Amino acid sequence: MYMQPTLFVMAAGMGSRYGGLKQMDALGPHGETIIDYSIYDAIRSGFGKVVFVIRHDFEEDFRRLVIAKFADRIPVEVVFQDLDALPDGHKPNPERTKPWGTNHAVLMGRGVVKEPFAVINGDDFYGRDAFAVLGRALQQMDGSRNRYCMVGFPVRNTLSEQGTVSRGVCTTSPDGKLLSIVEHTRLKEEQGVIVNTNDDGSKSVVDASVLVSMNMWGFTPDYFEYSYEFFREFLKVNGDSLKAEFYIPTMVDHLIQSGTASVQVLSTSSKWFGVTYADDKPFVQEQIRNLIADGVYPESLWA
């Protein structure tokens, strides 16, 4: 039986660089958040359920300010990313406060997602076409294993004028298969050139047209099995760390290099934008106003 895909929204981060809970920040003309636009696009792209991963400490506000607006439009579930949600009885370093990263967040959906699913960030505006493209791909993946996808965006369209950003830089084959993905955590344009500052302080140049992951992925449920097993190996090395993170690109690259899975890179006409820093907000608000003026979205999403 065909199962509509699920949208899995990562919204557990506080947004330390932004200075607050940016997932709840009103950016549309009637108080809409970026999440509102993502849910609206997902509904019209054929998604049948939404799962949010959040933290316990802002559950009440999140349900009241975000979920309540569209809970009558699509089924919604909530899971939690906790520091001690670890396999095999692992215990985090008692001094650790940093979350375990994006793929740990995805693992929190292991018990509630049984169908093909998309993963997105709660604070990234992906656009109508991106959701339509991903929704179609996920419908074709129903019942399959080891065959995933992601929506790629040119890195030049994903930077912030306010500071560095973290992106998964992709290498692709001529037929659009993902060959490798490497997380670059300090990307910025400097004097017309895009550079990444490496851990040792050196800088490397990144081609402006190279595709990057904005954490807009398409998976089937077998991805949870692989992630759980690889996370166990990750913790053997990093379990006592205060900062090590288990990223989605780390997991995906492992599956590609081991020959376990393939990932098709999907192209989109959508233009990404987001609020990495508080000063990004006016630009995002302007872009939303332009999309409303162009008829892409109604003036009030949930009226």
Protein backbone atom coordinates (compact mmCIF):
# COMPACT_ATOMS: atom_id res chain seq x y z
CA MET A 1 0.00 0.00 0.00
CA TYR A 2 1.35 3.43 -0.96
CA MET A 3 2.31 5.61 2.00
CA GLN A 4 2.55 9.36 1.71
CA PRO A 5 5.99 10.66 2.65
CA THR A 6 6.65 12.28 6.02
CA LEU A 7 8.37 15.60 6.61
CA PHE A 8 10.90 15.46 9.47
CA VAL A 9 11.75 18.95 10.72
CA MET A 10 14.87 19.56 12.82
CA ALA A 11 13.96 22.37 15.22
CA ALA A 12 15.89 21.51 18.39
CA GLY A 13 18.66 24.11 18.03
CA MET A 14 18.60 27.27 20.11
CA GLY A 15 20.30 29.27 17.38
CA SER A 16 23.18 30.59 19.49
CA ARG A 17 24.54 32.80 16.70
CA TYR A 18 21.08 34.17 16.00
CA GLY A 19 20.42 35.03 19.63
CA GLY A 20 17.19 33.19 20.28
CA LEU A 21 14.67 30.62 19.11
CA LYS A 22 14.73 31.55 15.45
CA GLN A 23 12.39 28.68 14.56
CA MET A 24 9.65 30.64 16.34
CA ASP A 25 10.49 34.06 14.92
CA ALA A 26 7.72 35.78 12.96
CA LEU A 27 8.93 36.59 9.43
CA GLY A 28 5.76 36.63 7.32
CA PRO A 29 3.23 39.49 7.24
CA HIS A 30 0.82 37.70 9.61
CA GLY A 31 3.36 36.26 12.02
CA GLU A 32 4.34 33.27 9.88
CA THR A 33 7.60 31.50 10.72
CA ILE A 34 9.87 29.86 8.15
CA ILE A 35 8.48 26.55 9.44
CA ASP A 36 4.98 27.69 8.44
CA TYR A 37 6.09 28.14 4.84
CA SER A 38 7.82 24.75 4.84
CA ILE A 39 4.70 23.00 6.13
CA TYR A 40 2.51 24.85 3.62
CA ASP A 41 4.81 23.77 0.76
CA ALA A 42 4.97 20.20 2.07
CA ILE A 43 1.18 19.86 2.22
CA ARG A 44 0.75 20.98 -1.38
CA SER A 45 3.59 18.64 -2.42
CA GLY A 46 1.84 15.51 -1.15
CA PHE A 47 3.38 14.97 2.29
CA GLY A 48 1.07 13.18 4.69
CA LYS A 49 2.58 13.81 8.13
CA VAL A 50 5.01 16.11 9.92
CA VAL A 51 7.40 15.06 12.69
CA PHE A 52 9.25 17.74 14.65
CA VAL A 53 12.35 17.06 16.70
CA ILE A 54 12.63 19.67 19.45
CA ARG A 55 13.85 19.97 23.04
CA HIS A 56 11.68 19.46 26.10
CA ASP A 57 12.41 22.91 27.49
CA PHE A 58 10.43 24.77 24.82
CA GLU A 59 7.79 22.17 23.95
CA GLU A 60 4.89 24.18 25.38
CA ASP A 61 5.81 27.35 23.47
CA PHE A 62 6.49 25.41 20.27
CA ARG A 63 3.12 23.68 20.35
CA ARG A 64 1.32 26.94 21.10
CA LEU A 65 3.18 29.26 18.72
CA VAL A 66 3.94 26.95 15.80
CA ILE A 67 2.06 23.66 15.68
CA ALA A 68 -1.35 25.02 16.70
CA LYS A 69 -1.57 27.04 13.47
CA PHE A 70 -1.67 24.04 11.13
CA ALA A 71 -2.46 21.05 13.36
CA ASP A 72 -5.87 20.74 11.67
CA ARG A 73 -4.28 20.63 8.19
CA ILE A 74 -1.86 17.67 8.59
CA PRO A 75 -1.07 15.09 11.30
CA VAL A 76 1.81 16.22 13.55
CA GLU A 77 4.05 14.29 15.94
CA VAL A 78 6.81 15.55 18.25
CA VAL A 79 10.01 13.77 19.32
CA PHE A 80 12.83 15.07 21.48
CA GLN A 81 16.58 15.32 21.05
CA ASP A 82 18.12 14.62 24.45
CA LEU A 83 21.84 14.46 25.22
CA ASP A 84 21.46 11.12 26.95
CA ALA A 85 19.42 9.49 24.15
CA LEU A 86 22.34 7.20 23.26
CA PRO A 87 22.58 3.49 22.35
CA ASP A 88 24.11 0.68 24.40
CA GLY A 89 23.94 2.46 27.72
CA HIS A 90 26.39 5.18 26.68
CA LYS A 91 26.44 8.18 28.99
CA PRO A 92 27.54 11.62 27.76
CA ASN A 93 30.35 13.52 29.43
CA PRO A 94 28.59 15.24 32.37
CA GLU A 95 30.13 18.54 31.25
CA ARG A 96 28.71 18.27 27.74
CA THR A 97 25.91 20.70 26.85
CA LYS A 98 26.15 20.69 23.04
CA PRO A 99 23.66 18.52 21.09
CA TRP A 100 25.03 15.49 19.25
CA GLY A 101 24.34 16.91 15.79
CA THR A 102 21.91 16.61 12.93
CA ASN A 103 22.02 12.86 12.37
CA HIS A 104 21.47 12.25 16.07
CA ALA A 105 18.38 14.46 15.69
CA VAL A 106 17.21 12.31 12.77
CA LEU A 107 17.64 9.16 14.88
CA MET A 108 15.03 10.49 17.29
CA GLY A 109 12.41 9.74 14.61
CA ARG A 110 13.30 6.06 14.52
CA GLY A 111 10.21 4.97 16.42
CA VAL A 112 7.60 7.07 14.61
CA VAL A 113 8.66 7.25 10.94
CA LYS A 114 7.83 4.12 8.93
CA GLU A 115 7.59 5.58 5.41
CA PRO A 116 9.88 7.50 3.03
CA PHE A 117 10.71 10.81 4.66
CA ALA A 118 12.28 14.17 4.00
CA VAL A 119 14.60 15.85 6.49
CA ILE A 120 14.85 19.64 6.64
CA ASN A 121 16.15 22.35 8.94
CA GLY A 122 13.49 24.37 10.73
CA ASP A 123 15.23 27.67 10.00
CA ASP A 124 15.89 27.29 6.25
CA PHE A 125 13.52 28.57 3.55
CA TYR A 126 13.74 26.00 0.75
CA GLY A 127 10.95 27.12 -1.59
CA ARG A 128 7.94 25.62 -3.30
CA ASP A 129 9.76 23.87 -6.16
CA ALA A 130 12.29 22.26 -3.83
CA PHE A 131 9.47 20.58 -1.89
CA ALA A 132 7.68 19.55 -5.08
CA VAL A 133 10.86 17.96 -6.49
CA LEU A 134 11.61 16.15 -3.24
CA GLY A 135 8.03 15.02 -2.77
CA ARG A 136 7.96 13.40 -6.23
CA ALA A 137 11.27 11.64 -5.59
CA LEU A 138 10.08 10.26 -2.24
CA GLN A 139 6.88 8.92 -3.79
CA GLN A 140 9.04 6.94 -6.24
CA MET A 141 11.17 5.60 -3.36
CA ASP A 142 8.23 3.99 -1.56
CA GLY A 143 9.09 0.36 -0.79
CA SER A 144 12.76 0.66 -1.76
CA ARG A 145 15.98 0.49 0.27
CA ASN A 146 19.46 1.96 -0.04
CA ARG A 147 18.35 4.60 -2.53
CA TYR A 148 18.20 8.14 -1.18
CA CYS A 149 18.18 11.69 -2.53
CA MET A 150 18.99 15.26 -1.62
CA VAL A 151 18.21 18.70 -3.02
CA GLY A 152 21.39 20.58 -3.92
CA PHE A 153 21.84 24.35 -3.95
CA PRO A 154 24.81 26.29 -5.43
CA VAL A 155 27.00 27.41 -2.53
CA ARG A 156 27.00 31.02 -3.76
CA ASN A 157 23.25 31.15 -3.04
CA THR A 158 23.56 29.88 0.53
CA LEU A 159 25.95 32.32 2.23
CA SER A 160 25.28 35.00 4.81
CA GLU A 161 26.72 38.50 4.69
CA GLN A 162 26.73 38.46 8.48
CA GLY A 163 29.28 35.70 9.14
CA THR A 164 30.41 32.15 8.42
CA VAL A 165 28.03 29.27 7.66
CA SER A 166 28.25 25.47 7.76
CA ARG A 167 27.50 23.54 4.56
CA GLY A 168 27.96 20.00 3.24
CA VAL A 169 30.02 20.46 0.05
CA CYS A 170 29.11 17.84 -2.59
CA THR A 171 30.96 16.07 -5.37
CA THR A 172 28.64 14.56 -7.99
CA SER A 173 28.90 12.20 -10.95
CA PRO A 174 27.83 13.19 -14.49
CA ASP A 175 24.49 11.43 -13.94
CA GLY A 176 23.80 13.33 -10.72
CA LYS A 177 24.80 10.74 -8.14
CA LEU A 178 26.43 12.02 -4.97
CA LEU A 179 30.05 10.82 -4.85
CA SER A 180 31.10 12.46 -1.60
CA ILE A 181 29.98 15.10 0.85
CA VAL A 182 32.23 16.91 3.29
CA GLU A 183 31.04 19.28 6.01
CA HIS A 184 32.65 22.74 5.76
CA THR A 185 31.85 24.55 8.99
CA ARG A 186 33.24 28.06 8.34
CA LEU A 187 32.32 29.18 4.83
CA LYS A 188 32.32 32.85 3.91
CA GLU A 189 32.79 35.11 0.89
CA GLU A 190 35.92 37.23 1.15
CA GLN A 191 36.80 39.75 -1.57
CA GLY A 192 34.65 37.96 -4.13
CA VAL A 193 36.00 34.50 -3.35
CA ILE A 194 34.31 31.82 -1.25
CA VAL A 195 36.68 30.34 1.33
CA ASN A 196 36.44 27.87 4.17
CA THR A 197 38.56 28.35 7.28
CA ASN A 198 39.93 24.96 8.27
CA ASP A 199 40.45 23.68 11.81
CA ASP A 200 44.15 24.58 11.67
CA GLY A 201 43.37 28.18 10.66
CA SER A 202 44.33 27.76 7.01
CA LYS A 203 41.89 28.68 4.25
CA SER A 204 40.75 26.77 1.18
CA VAL A 205 38.90 28.17 -1.83
CA VAL A 206 35.50 26.69 -2.75
CA ASP A 207 34.06 27.03 -6.28
CA ALA A 208 31.00 29.30 -6.19
CA SER A 209 28.92 26.93 -8.34
CA VAL A 210 29.58 23.75 -6.35
CA LEU A 211 26.44 22.20 -4.93
CA VAL A 212 25.99 22.04 -1.20
CA SER A 213 23.56 20.28 1.06
CA MET A 214 21.20 22.51 3.01
CA ASN A 215 20.00 19.45 4.92
CA MET A 216 17.12 18.82 2.55
CA TRP A 217 17.30 15.04 2.29
CA GLY A 218 15.09 12.17 1.21
CA PHE A 219 15.47 8.80 2.96
CA THR A 220 13.67 5.50 3.44
CA PRO A 221 13.33 3.96 6.92
CA ASP A 222 16.35 1.66 6.49
CA TYR A 223 18.42 4.82 6.98
CA PHE A 224 17.59 4.62 10.70
CA GLU A 225 19.11 1.14 10.95
CA TYR A 226 22.39 2.23 9.36
CA SER A 227 22.51 5.43 11.43
CA TYR A 228 21.99 3.58 14.71
CA GLU A 229 24.81 1.15 13.99
CA PHE A 230 27.24 3.81 12.78
CA PHE A 231 26.43 6.07 15.72
CA ARG A 232 27.54 3.26 18.03
CA GLU A 233 30.92 3.28 16.27
CA PHE A 234 31.03 7.07 16.42
CA LEU A 235 30.51 7.00 20.19
CA LYS A 236 33.35 4.52 20.71
CA VAL A 237 35.68 7.28 19.51
CA ASN A 238 33.79 10.43 20.48
CA GLY A 239 31.56 9.39 23.38
CA ASP A 240 33.46 11.45 25.96
CA SER A 241 33.81 14.52 23.74
CA LEU A 242 32.28 17.86 24.68
CA LYS A 243 31.85 19.05 21.08
CA ALA A 244 31.97 16.18 18.53
CA GLU A 245 28.81 16.00 16.41
CA PHE A 246 27.23 13.24 14.33
CA TYR A 247 26.29 15.06 11.11
CA ILE A 248 23.97 13.84 8.35
CA PRO A 249 26.74 14.38 5.75
CA THR A 250 29.04 12.18 7.86
CA MET A 251 26.51 9.35 7.79
CA VAL A 252 25.61 9.76 4.12
CA ASP A 253 29.25 9.86 3.06
CA HIS A 254 29.93 6.68 5.02
CA LEU A 255 27.08 4.88 3.22
CA ILE A 256 28.27 6.10 -0.18
CA GLN A 257 31.93 5.21 0.35
CA SER A 258 31.04 1.76 1.70
CA GLY A 259 28.85 1.09 -1.34
CA THR A 260 25.80 0.57 0.87
CA ALA A 261 23.58 3.28 -0.63
CA SER A 262 23.32 5.71 -3.51
CA VAL A 263 22.09 9.30 -3.32
CA GLN A 264 20.57 11.14 -6.27
CA VAL A 265 21.17 14.91 -6.24
CA LEU A 266 18.01 16.75 -7.26
CA SER A 267 18.08 20.18 -8.87
CA THR A 268 15.52 22.86 -8.13
CA SER A 269 14.55 26.27 -9.40
CA SER A 270 13.91 27.42 -5.81
CA LYS A 271 16.25 29.93 -4.22
CA TRP A 272 17.28 29.10 -0.66
CA PHE A 273 17.50 31.69 2.09
CA GLY A 274 17.68 31.52 5.87
CA VAL A 275 18.34 33.22 9.18
CA THR A 276 21.71 32.11 10.44
CA TYR A 277 22.22 35.48 12.15
CA ALA A 278 19.78 38.04 13.54
CA ASP A 279 20.86 40.56 10.89
CA ASP A 280 19.66 38.14 8.18
CA LYS A 281 16.04 38.75 9.22
CA PRO A 282 15.26 41.90 7.13
CA PHE A 283 16.50 40.19 3.96
CA VAL A 284 14.37 37.11 4.61
CA GLN A 285 11.29 39.25 5.28
CA GLU A 286 11.85 41.08 1.99
CA GLN A 287 12.19 37.80 0.06
CA ILE A 288 8.93 36.52 1.54
CA ARG A 289 7.13 39.74 0.61
CA ASN A 290 8.39 39.35 -2.97
CA LEU A 291 7.12 35.75 -3.18
CA ILE A 292 3.71 36.86 -1.92
CA ALA A 293 3.64 39.65 -4.50
CA ASP A 294 4.47 37.07 -7.20
CA GLY A 295 1.55 34.90 -6.12
CA VAL A 296 3.66 32.02 -4.81
CA TYR A 297 2.10 32.30 -1.35
CA PRO A 298 -1.12 33.89 -0.08
CA GLU A 299 -0.90 36.98 2.11
CA SER A 300 -1.95 34.88 5.11
CA LEU A 301 -0.97 31.21 4.98
CA TRP A 302 -3.49 29.72 7.39
CA ALA A 303 -6.44 32.09 7.02
